[in-house]
Amino acid sequence: MQEGGPAAVAVIQDEPVTVEAEVQEIVGPFAFTVGEDDTLILSATEPAVDKGDDVLVTGIVRSFVVADAVETVP
């Protein structure tokens, strides 16, 4: 499998993946980043994680566009 970059993301877009990585930053109550490339993880529930924790995350790969997210927030 390819590693990193837009081509790799295109291959796994809308596919389920499992990632094992270290929490890099807590972005908010339902979001944090993992790995060296700061992959954003969004959760439907508030995860019990702290910076530096090793996590195993399973989910669907989606593109994230800030402008789109802002438009959907009431």
PDB file of N, CA and C in Angstrom:
ATOM      1  N   MET A   1       0.840  -1.194   0.000  1.00  0.00           N
ATOM      2  CA  MET A   1       0.000   0.000   0.000  1.00  0.00           C
ATOM      3  C   MET A   1       0.875   1.244   0.000  1.00  0.00           C
ATOM      4  N   GLN A   2       0.409   2.276  -0.675  1.00  0.00           N
ATOM      5  CA  GLN A   2       1.135   3.542  -0.707  1.00  0.00           C
ATOM      6  C   GLN A   2       1.111   4.183   0.668  1.00  0.00           C
ATOM      7  N   GLU A   3       2.073   5.038   0.935  1.00  0.00           N
ATOM      8  CA  GLU A   3       2.105   5.741   2.210  1.00  0.00           C
ATOM      9  C   GLU A   3       1.961   7.237   1.995  1.00  0.00           C
ATOM     10  N   GLY A   4       1.047   7.845   2.732  1.00  0.00           N
ATOM     11  CA  GLY A   4       0.905   9.291   2.791  1.00  0.00           C
ATOM     12  C   GLY A   4       0.575   9.975   1.487  1.00  0.00           C
ATOM     13  N   GLY A   5       0.207  11.240   1.603  1.00  0.00           N
ATOM     14  CA  GLY A   5      -0.033  12.092   0.452  1.00  0.00           C
ATOM     15  C   GLY A   5      -1.419  11.942  -0.141  1.00  0.00           C
ATOM     16  N   PRO A   6      -1.760  12.867  -1.053  1.00  0.00           N
ATOM     17  CA  PRO A   6      -3.085  12.884  -1.671  1.00  0.00           C
ATOM     18  C   PRO A   6      -3.434  11.617  -2.436  1.00  0.00           C
ATOM     19  N   ALA A   7      -2.459  11.005  -3.113  1.00  0.00           N
ATOM     20  CA  ALA A   7      -2.742   9.789  -3.876  1.00  0.00           C
ATOM     21  C   ALA A   7      -3.168   8.660  -2.943  1.00  0.00           C
ATOM     22  N   ALA A   8      -2.518   8.550  -1.802  1.00  0.00           N
ATOM     23  CA  ALA A   8      -2.877   7.515  -0.833  1.00  0.00           C
ATOM     24  C   ALA A   8      -4.266   7.772  -0.263  1.00  0.00           C
ATOM     25  N   VAL A   9      -4.586   9.027   0.010  1.00  0.00           N
ATOM     26  CA  VAL A   9      -5.904   9.364   0.543  1.00  0.00           C
ATOM     27  C   VAL A   9      -6.979   9.031  -0.483  1.00  0.00           C
ATOM     28  N   ALA A  10      -6.738   9.315  -1.744  1.00  0.00           N
ATOM     29  CA  ALA A  10      -7.711   9.019  -2.794  1.00  0.00           C
ATOM     30  C   ALA A  10      -8.015   7.530  -2.854  1.00  0.00           C
ATOM     31  N   VAL A  11      -7.025   6.694  -2.629  1.00  0.00           N
ATOM     32  CA  VAL A  11      -7.206   5.245  -2.681  1.00  0.00           C
ATOM     33  C   VAL A  11      -8.103   4.765  -1.552  1.00  0.00           C
ATOM     34  N   ILE A  12      -8.007   5.374  -0.379  1.00  0.00           N
ATOM     35  CA  ILE A  12      -8.778   4.913   0.779  1.00  0.00           C
ATOM     36  C   ILE A  12      -9.979   5.787   1.115  1.00  0.00           C
ATOM     37  N   GLN A  13     -10.233   6.813   0.306  1.00  0.00           N
ATOM     38  CA  GLN A  13     -11.379   7.703   0.529  1.00  0.00           C
ATOM     39  C   GLN A  13     -12.653   6.882   0.633  1.00  0.00           C
ATOM     40  N   ASP A  14     -13.467   7.140   1.655  1.00  0.00           N
ATOM     41  CA  ASP A  14     -14.750   6.471   1.898  1.00  0.00           C
ATOM     42  C   ASP A  14     -14.607   4.992   2.246  1.00  0.00           C
ATOM     43  N   GLU A  15     -13.412   4.575   2.626  1.00  0.00           N
ATOM     44  CA  GLU A  15     -13.158   3.189   3.023  1.00  0.00           C
ATOM     45  C   GLU A  15     -12.924   3.115   4.530  1.00  0.00           C
ATOM     46  N   PRO A  16     -13.295   1.999   5.153  1.00  0.00           N
ATOM     47  CA  PRO A  16     -12.985   1.835   6.577  1.00  0.00           C
ATOM     48  C   PRO A  16     -11.495   1.554   6.766  1.00  0.00           C
ATOM     49  N   VAL A  17     -10.915   2.160   7.788  1.00  0.00           N
ATOM     50  CA  VAL A  17      -9.503   1.941   8.106  1.00  0.00           C
ATOM     51  C   VAL A  17      -9.347   1.844   9.620  1.00  0.00           C
ATOM     52  N   THR A  18      -8.262   1.222  10.044  1.00  0.00           N
ATOM     53  CA  THR A  18      -7.875   1.204  11.445  1.00  0.00           C
ATOM     54  C   THR A  18      -6.468   1.753  11.529  1.00  0.00           C
ATOM     55  N   VAL A  19      -6.263   2.712  12.430  1.00  0.00           N
ATOM     56  CA  VAL A  19      -4.978   3.382  12.588  1.00  0.00           C
ATOM     57  C   VAL A  19      -4.532   3.230  14.041  1.00  0.00           C
ATOM     58  N   GLU A  20      -3.285   2.842  14.220  1.00  0.00           N
ATOM     59  CA  GLU A  20      -2.692   2.811  15.553  1.00  0.00           C
ATOM     60  C   GLU A  20      -1.622   3.888  15.578  1.00  0.00           C
ATOM     61  N   ALA A  21      -1.791   4.880  16.471  1.00  0.00           N
ATOM     62  CA  ALA A  21      -0.868   6.012  16.497  1.00  0.00           C
ATOM     63  C   ALA A  21      -0.945   6.708  17.851  1.00  0.00           C
ATOM     64  N   GLU A  22      -0.055   7.667  18.024  1.00  0.00           N
ATOM     65  CA  GLU A  22      -0.013   8.459  19.248  1.00  0.00           C
ATOM     66  C   GLU A  22      -0.815   9.738  19.064  1.00  0.00           C
ATOM     67  N   VAL A  23      -1.585  10.096  20.085  1.00  0.00           N
ATOM     68  CA  VAL A  23      -2.340  11.347  20.068  1.00  0.00           C
ATOM     69  C   VAL A  23      -1.343  12.501  20.114  1.00  0.00           C
ATOM     70  N   GLN A  24      -1.426  13.384  19.119  1.00  0.00           N
ATOM     71  CA  GLN A  24      -0.520  14.526  19.034  1.00  0.00           C
ATOM     72  C   GLN A  24      -1.092  15.775  19.695  1.00  0.00           C
ATOM     73  N   GLU A  25      -2.402  16.000  19.477  1.00  0.00           N
ATOM     74  CA  GLU A  25      -3.029  17.218  19.996  1.00  0.00           C
ATOM     75  C   GLU A  25      -4.517  16.978  20.220  1.00  0.00           C
ATOM     76  N   ILE A  26      -5.035  17.513  21.298  1.00  0.00           N
ATOM     77  CA  ILE A  26      -6.478  17.510  21.539  1.00  0.00           C
ATOM     78  C   ILE A  26      -7.013  18.795  20.920  1.00  0.00           C
ATOM     79  N   VAL A  27      -7.853  18.665  19.909  1.00  0.00           N
ATOM     80  CA  VAL A  27      -8.350  19.823  19.170  1.00  0.00           C
ATOM     81  C   VAL A  27      -9.622  20.369  19.813  1.00  0.00           C
ATOM     82  N   GLY A  28     -10.421  19.492  20.367  1.00  0.00           N
ATOM     83  CA  GLY A  28     -11.668  19.877  21.010  1.00  0.00           C
ATOM     84  C   GLY A  28     -12.267  18.664  21.694  1.00  0.00           C
ATOM     85  N   PRO A  29     -13.457  18.798  22.260  1.00  0.00           N
ATOM     86  CA  PRO A  29     -14.038  17.680  23.005  1.00  0.00           C
ATOM     87  C   PRO A  29     -14.335  16.450  22.155  1.00  0.00           C
ATOM     88  N   PHE A  30     -14.477  16.612  20.850  1.00  0.00           N
ATOM     89  CA  PHE A  30     -14.784  15.497  19.975  1.00  0.00           C
ATOM     90  C   PHE A  30     -13.747  15.317  18.860  1.00  0.00           C
ATOM     91  N   ALA A  31     -12.574  15.930  19.018  1.00  0.00           N
ATOM     92  CA  ALA A  31     -11.574  15.872  17.951  1.00  0.00           C
ATOM     93  C   ALA A  31     -10.155  15.881  18.510  1.00  0.00           C
ATOM     94  N   PHE A  32      -9.296  15.100  17.848  1.00  0.00           N
ATOM     95  CA  PHE A  32      -7.879  15.082  18.190  1.00  0.00           C
ATOM     96  C   PHE A  32      -7.088  14.672  16.959  1.00  0.00           C
ATOM     97  N   THR A  33      -5.787  14.891  16.991  1.00  0.00           N
ATOM     98  CA  THR A  33      -4.937  14.489  15.875  1.00  0.00           C
ATOM     99  C   THR A  33      -4.025  13.355  16.322  1.00  0.00           C
ATOM    100  N   VAL A  34      -3.629  12.524  15.344  1.00  0.00           N
ATOM    101  CA  VAL A  34      -2.718  11.408  15.613  1.00  0.00           C
ATOM    102  C   VAL A  34      -1.632  11.361  14.552  1.00  0.00           C
ATOM    103  N   GLY A  35      -0.512  10.744  14.916  1.00  0.00           N
ATOM    104  CA  GLY A  35       0.550  10.481  13.958  1.00  0.00           C
ATOM    105  C   GLY A  35       1.377  11.689  13.596  1.00  0.00           C
ATOM    106  N   GLU A  36       2.449  11.398  12.867  1.00  0.00           N
ATOM    107  CA  GLU A  36       3.389  12.447  12.457  1.00  0.00           C
ATOM    108  C   GLU A  36       2.767  13.450  11.496  1.00  0.00           C
ATOM    109  N   ASP A  37       1.750  13.017  10.737  1.00  0.00           N
ATOM    110  CA  ASP A  37       1.108  13.929   9.774  1.00  0.00           C
ATOM    111  C   ASP A  37      -0.128  14.606  10.355  1.00  0.00           C
ATOM    112  N   ASP A  38      -0.339  14.474  11.688  1.00  0.00           N
ATOM    113  CA  ASP A  38      -1.468  15.111  12.381  1.00  0.00           C
ATOM    114  C   ASP A  38      -2.809  14.816  11.715  1.00  0.00           C
ATOM    115  N   THR A  39      -3.095  13.543  11.510  1.00  0.00           N
ATOM    116  CA  THR A  39      -4.382  13.127  10.951  1.00  0.00           C
ATOM    117  C   THR A  39      -5.484  13.484  11.932  1.00  0.00           C
ATOM    118  N   LEU A  40      -6.495  14.189  11.447  1.00  0.00           N
ATOM    119  CA  LEU A  40      -7.608  14.628  12.291  1.00  0.00           C
ATOM    120  C   LEU A  40      -8.574  13.472  12.511  1.00  0.00           C
ATOM    121  N   ILE A  41      -8.907  13.222  13.775  1.00  0.00           N
ATOM    122  CA  ILE A  41      -9.885  12.206  14.154  1.00  0.00           C
ATOM    123  C   ILE A  41     -11.082  12.927  14.759  1.00  0.00           C
ATOM    124  N   LEU A  42     -12.257  12.707  14.177  1.00  0.00           N
ATOM    125  CA  LEU A  42     -13.498  13.274  14.702  1.00  0.00           C
ATOM    126  C   LEU A  42     -14.327  12.136  15.267  1.00  0.00           C
ATOM    127  N   SER A  43     -14.889  12.336  16.450  1.00  0.00           N
ATOM    128  CA  SER A  43     -15.639  11.297  17.124  1.00  0.00           C
ATOM    129  C   SER A  43     -17.063  11.759  17.397  1.00  0.00           C
ATOM    130  N   ALA A  44     -18.017  10.834  17.290  1.00  0.00           N
ATOM    131  CA  ALA A  44     -19.413  11.151  17.604  1.00  0.00           C
ATOM    132  C   ALA A  44     -19.626  11.269  19.109  1.00  0.00           C
ATOM    133  N   THR A  45     -18.743  10.642  19.882  1.00  0.00           N
ATOM    134  CA  THR A  45     -18.797  10.726  21.338  1.00  0.00           C
ATOM    135  C   THR A  45     -17.492  11.311  21.843  1.00  0.00           C
ATOM    136  N   GLU A  46     -17.504  11.830  23.042  1.00  0.00           N
ATOM    137  CA  GLU A  46     -16.304  12.452  23.598  1.00  0.00           C
ATOM    138  C   GLU A  46     -15.304  11.364  23.998  1.00  0.00           C
ATOM    139  N   PRO A  47     -14.174  11.279  23.279  1.00  0.00           N
ATOM    140  CA  PRO A  47     -13.201  10.233  23.593  1.00  0.00           C
ATOM    141  C   PRO A  47     -12.403  10.565  24.859  1.00  0.00           C
ATOM    142  N   ALA A  48     -12.042   9.533  25.604  1.00  0.00           N
ATOM    143  CA  ALA A  48     -11.241   9.709  26.822  1.00  0.00           C
ATOM    144  C   ALA A  48      -9.769   9.514  26.450  1.00  0.00           C
ATOM    145  N   VAL A  49      -9.195  10.532  25.785  1.00  0.00           N
ATOM    146  CA  VAL A  49      -7.791  10.457  25.370  1.00  0.00           C
ATOM    147  C   VAL A  49      -7.055  11.705  25.827  1.00  0.00           C
ATOM    148  N   ASP A  50      -5.759  11.551  25.989  1.00  0.00           N
ATOM    149  CA  ASP A  50      -4.883  12.659  26.333  1.00  0.00           C
ATOM    150  C   ASP A  50      -3.711  12.684  25.362  1.00  0.00           C
ATOM    151  N   LYS A  51      -3.091  13.843  25.236  1.00  0.00           N
ATOM    152  CA  LYS A  51      -1.906  13.972  24.394  1.00  0.00           C
ATOM    153  C   LYS A  51      -0.872  12.942  24.853  1.00  0.00           C
ATOM    154  N   GLY A  52      -0.298  12.224  23.884  1.00  0.00           N
ATOM    155  CA  GLY A  52       0.708  11.217  24.179  1.00  0.00           C
ATOM    156  C   GLY A  52       0.164   9.809  24.310  1.00  0.00           C
ATOM    157  N   ASP A  53      -1.162   9.659  24.408  1.00  0.00           N
ATOM    158  CA  ASP A  53      -1.764   8.326  24.490  1.00  0.00           C
ATOM    159  C   ASP A  53      -1.588   7.584  23.178  1.00  0.00           C
ATOM    160  N   ASP A  54      -1.358   6.286  23.254  1.00  0.00           N
ATOM    161  CA  ASP A  54      -1.396   5.430  22.076  1.00  0.00           C
ATOM    162  C   ASP A  54      -2.836   4.990  21.895  1.00  0.00           C
ATOM    163  N   VAL A  55      -3.370   5.145  20.675  1.00  0.00           N
ATOM    164  CA  VAL A  55      -4.769   4.810  20.413  1.00  0.00           C
ATOM    165  C   VAL A  55      -4.875   3.904  19.190  1.00  0.00           C
ATOM    166  N   LEU A  56      -5.964   3.159  19.150  1.00  0.00           N
ATOM    167  CA  LEU A  56      -6.329   2.351  17.995  1.00  0.00           C
ATOM    168  C   LEU A  56      -7.685   2.881  17.553  1.00  0.00           C
ATOM    169  N   VAL A  57      -7.746   3.489  16.372  1.00  0.00           N
ATOM    170  CA  VAL A  57      -8.946   4.167  15.891  1.00  0.00           C
ATOM    171  C   VAL A  57      -9.424   3.490  14.619  1.00  0.00           C
ATOM    172  N   THR A  58     -10.715   3.186  14.558  1.00  0.00           N
ATOM    173  CA  THR A  58     -11.320   2.608  13.361  1.00  0.00           C
ATOM    174  C   THR A  58     -12.417   3.545  12.887  1.00  0.00           C
ATOM    175  N   GLY A  59     -12.440   3.811  11.579  1.00  0.00           N
ATOM    176  CA  GLY A  59     -13.467   4.694  11.038  1.00  0.00           C
ATOM    177  C   GLY A  59     -13.408   4.759   9.531  1.00  0.00           C
ATOM    178  N   ILE A  60     -14.205   5.629   8.963  1.00  0.00           N
ATOM    179  CA  ILE A  60     -14.285   5.837   7.516  1.00  0.00           C
ATOM    180  C   ILE A  60     -13.478   7.076   7.155  1.00  0.00           C
ATOM    181  N   VAL A  61     -12.627   6.965   6.139  1.00  0.00           N
ATOM    182  CA  VAL A  61     -11.812   8.097   5.686  1.00  0.00           C
ATOM    183  C   VAL A  61     -12.696   9.059   4.903  1.00  0.00           C
ATOM    184  N   ARG A  62     -12.686  10.302   5.327  1.00  0.00           N
ATOM    185  CA  ARG A  62     -13.456  11.355   4.658  1.00  0.00           C
ATOM    186  C   ARG A  62     -12.571  12.583   4.484  1.00  0.00           C
ATOM    187  N   SER A  63     -12.853  13.349   3.454  1.00  0.00           N
ATOM    188  CA  SER A  63     -12.191  14.650   3.303  1.00  0.00           C
ATOM    189  C   SER A  63     -12.806  15.601   4.321  1.00  0.00           C
ATOM    190  N   PHE A  64     -11.995  16.519   4.818  1.00  0.00           N
ATOM    191  CA  PHE A  64     -12.494  17.504   5.774  1.00  0.00           C
ATOM    192  C   PHE A  64     -12.148  18.877   5.252  1.00  0.00           C
ATOM    193  N   VAL A  65     -13.186  19.671   4.978  1.00  0.00           N
ATOM    194  CA  VAL A  65     -13.017  21.036   4.496  1.00  0.00           C
ATOM    195  C   VAL A  65     -13.638  21.949   5.552  1.00  0.00           C
ATOM    196  N   VAL A  66     -12.815  22.804   6.142  1.00  0.00           N
ATOM    197  CA  VAL A  66     -13.271  23.662   7.232  1.00  0.00           C
ATOM    198  C   VAL A  66     -14.498  24.473   6.819  1.00  0.00           C
ATOM    199  N   ALA A  67     -14.480  25.048   5.630  1.00  0.00           N
ATOM    200  CA  ALA A  67     -15.613  25.872   5.177  1.00  0.00           C
ATOM    201  C   ALA A  67     -16.904  25.079   5.156  1.00  0.00           C
ATOM    202  N   ASP A  68     -16.840  23.805   4.750  1.00  0.00           N
ATOM    203  CA  ASP A  68     -18.036  22.957   4.735  1.00  0.00           C
ATOM    204  C   ASP A  68     -18.539  22.719   6.144  1.00  0.00           C
ATOM    205  N   ALA A  69     -17.635  22.484   7.077  1.00  0.00           N
ATOM    206  CA  ALA A  69     -18.000  22.233   8.465  1.00  0.00           C
ATOM    207  C   ALA A  69     -18.645  23.462   9.085  1.00  0.00           C
ATOM    208  N   VAL A  70     -18.107  24.624   8.812  1.00  0.00           N
ATOM    209  CA  VAL A  70     -18.641  25.866   9.358  1.00  0.00           C
ATOM    210  C   VAL A  70     -20.054  26.107   8.856  1.00  0.00           C
ATOM    211  N   GLU A  71     -20.320  25.774   7.604  1.00  0.00           N
ATOM    212  CA  GLU A  71     -21.650  25.979   7.031  1.00  0.00           C
ATOM    213  C   GLU A  71     -22.696  25.086   7.694  1.00  0.00           C
ATOM    214  N   THR A  72     -22.306  23.930   8.216  1.00  0.00           N
ATOM    215  CA  THR A  72     -23.275  22.991   8.792  1.00  0.00           C
ATOM    216  C   THR A  72     -23.497  23.208  10.289  1.00  0.00           C
ATOM    217  N   VAL A  73     -22.707  24.073  10.912  1.00  0.00           N
ATOM    218  CA  VAL A  73     -22.877  24.343  12.338  1.00  0.00           C
ATOM    219  C   VAL A  73     -23.969  25.380  12.519  1.00  0.00           C
ATOM    220  N   PRO A  74     -25.010  25.049  13.316  1.00  0.00           N
ATOM    221  CA  PRO A  74     -26.121  26.020  13.487  1.00  0.00           C
ATOM    222  C   PRO A  74     -25.694  27.234  14.283  1.00  0.00           C
TER     223      PRO A  74
END
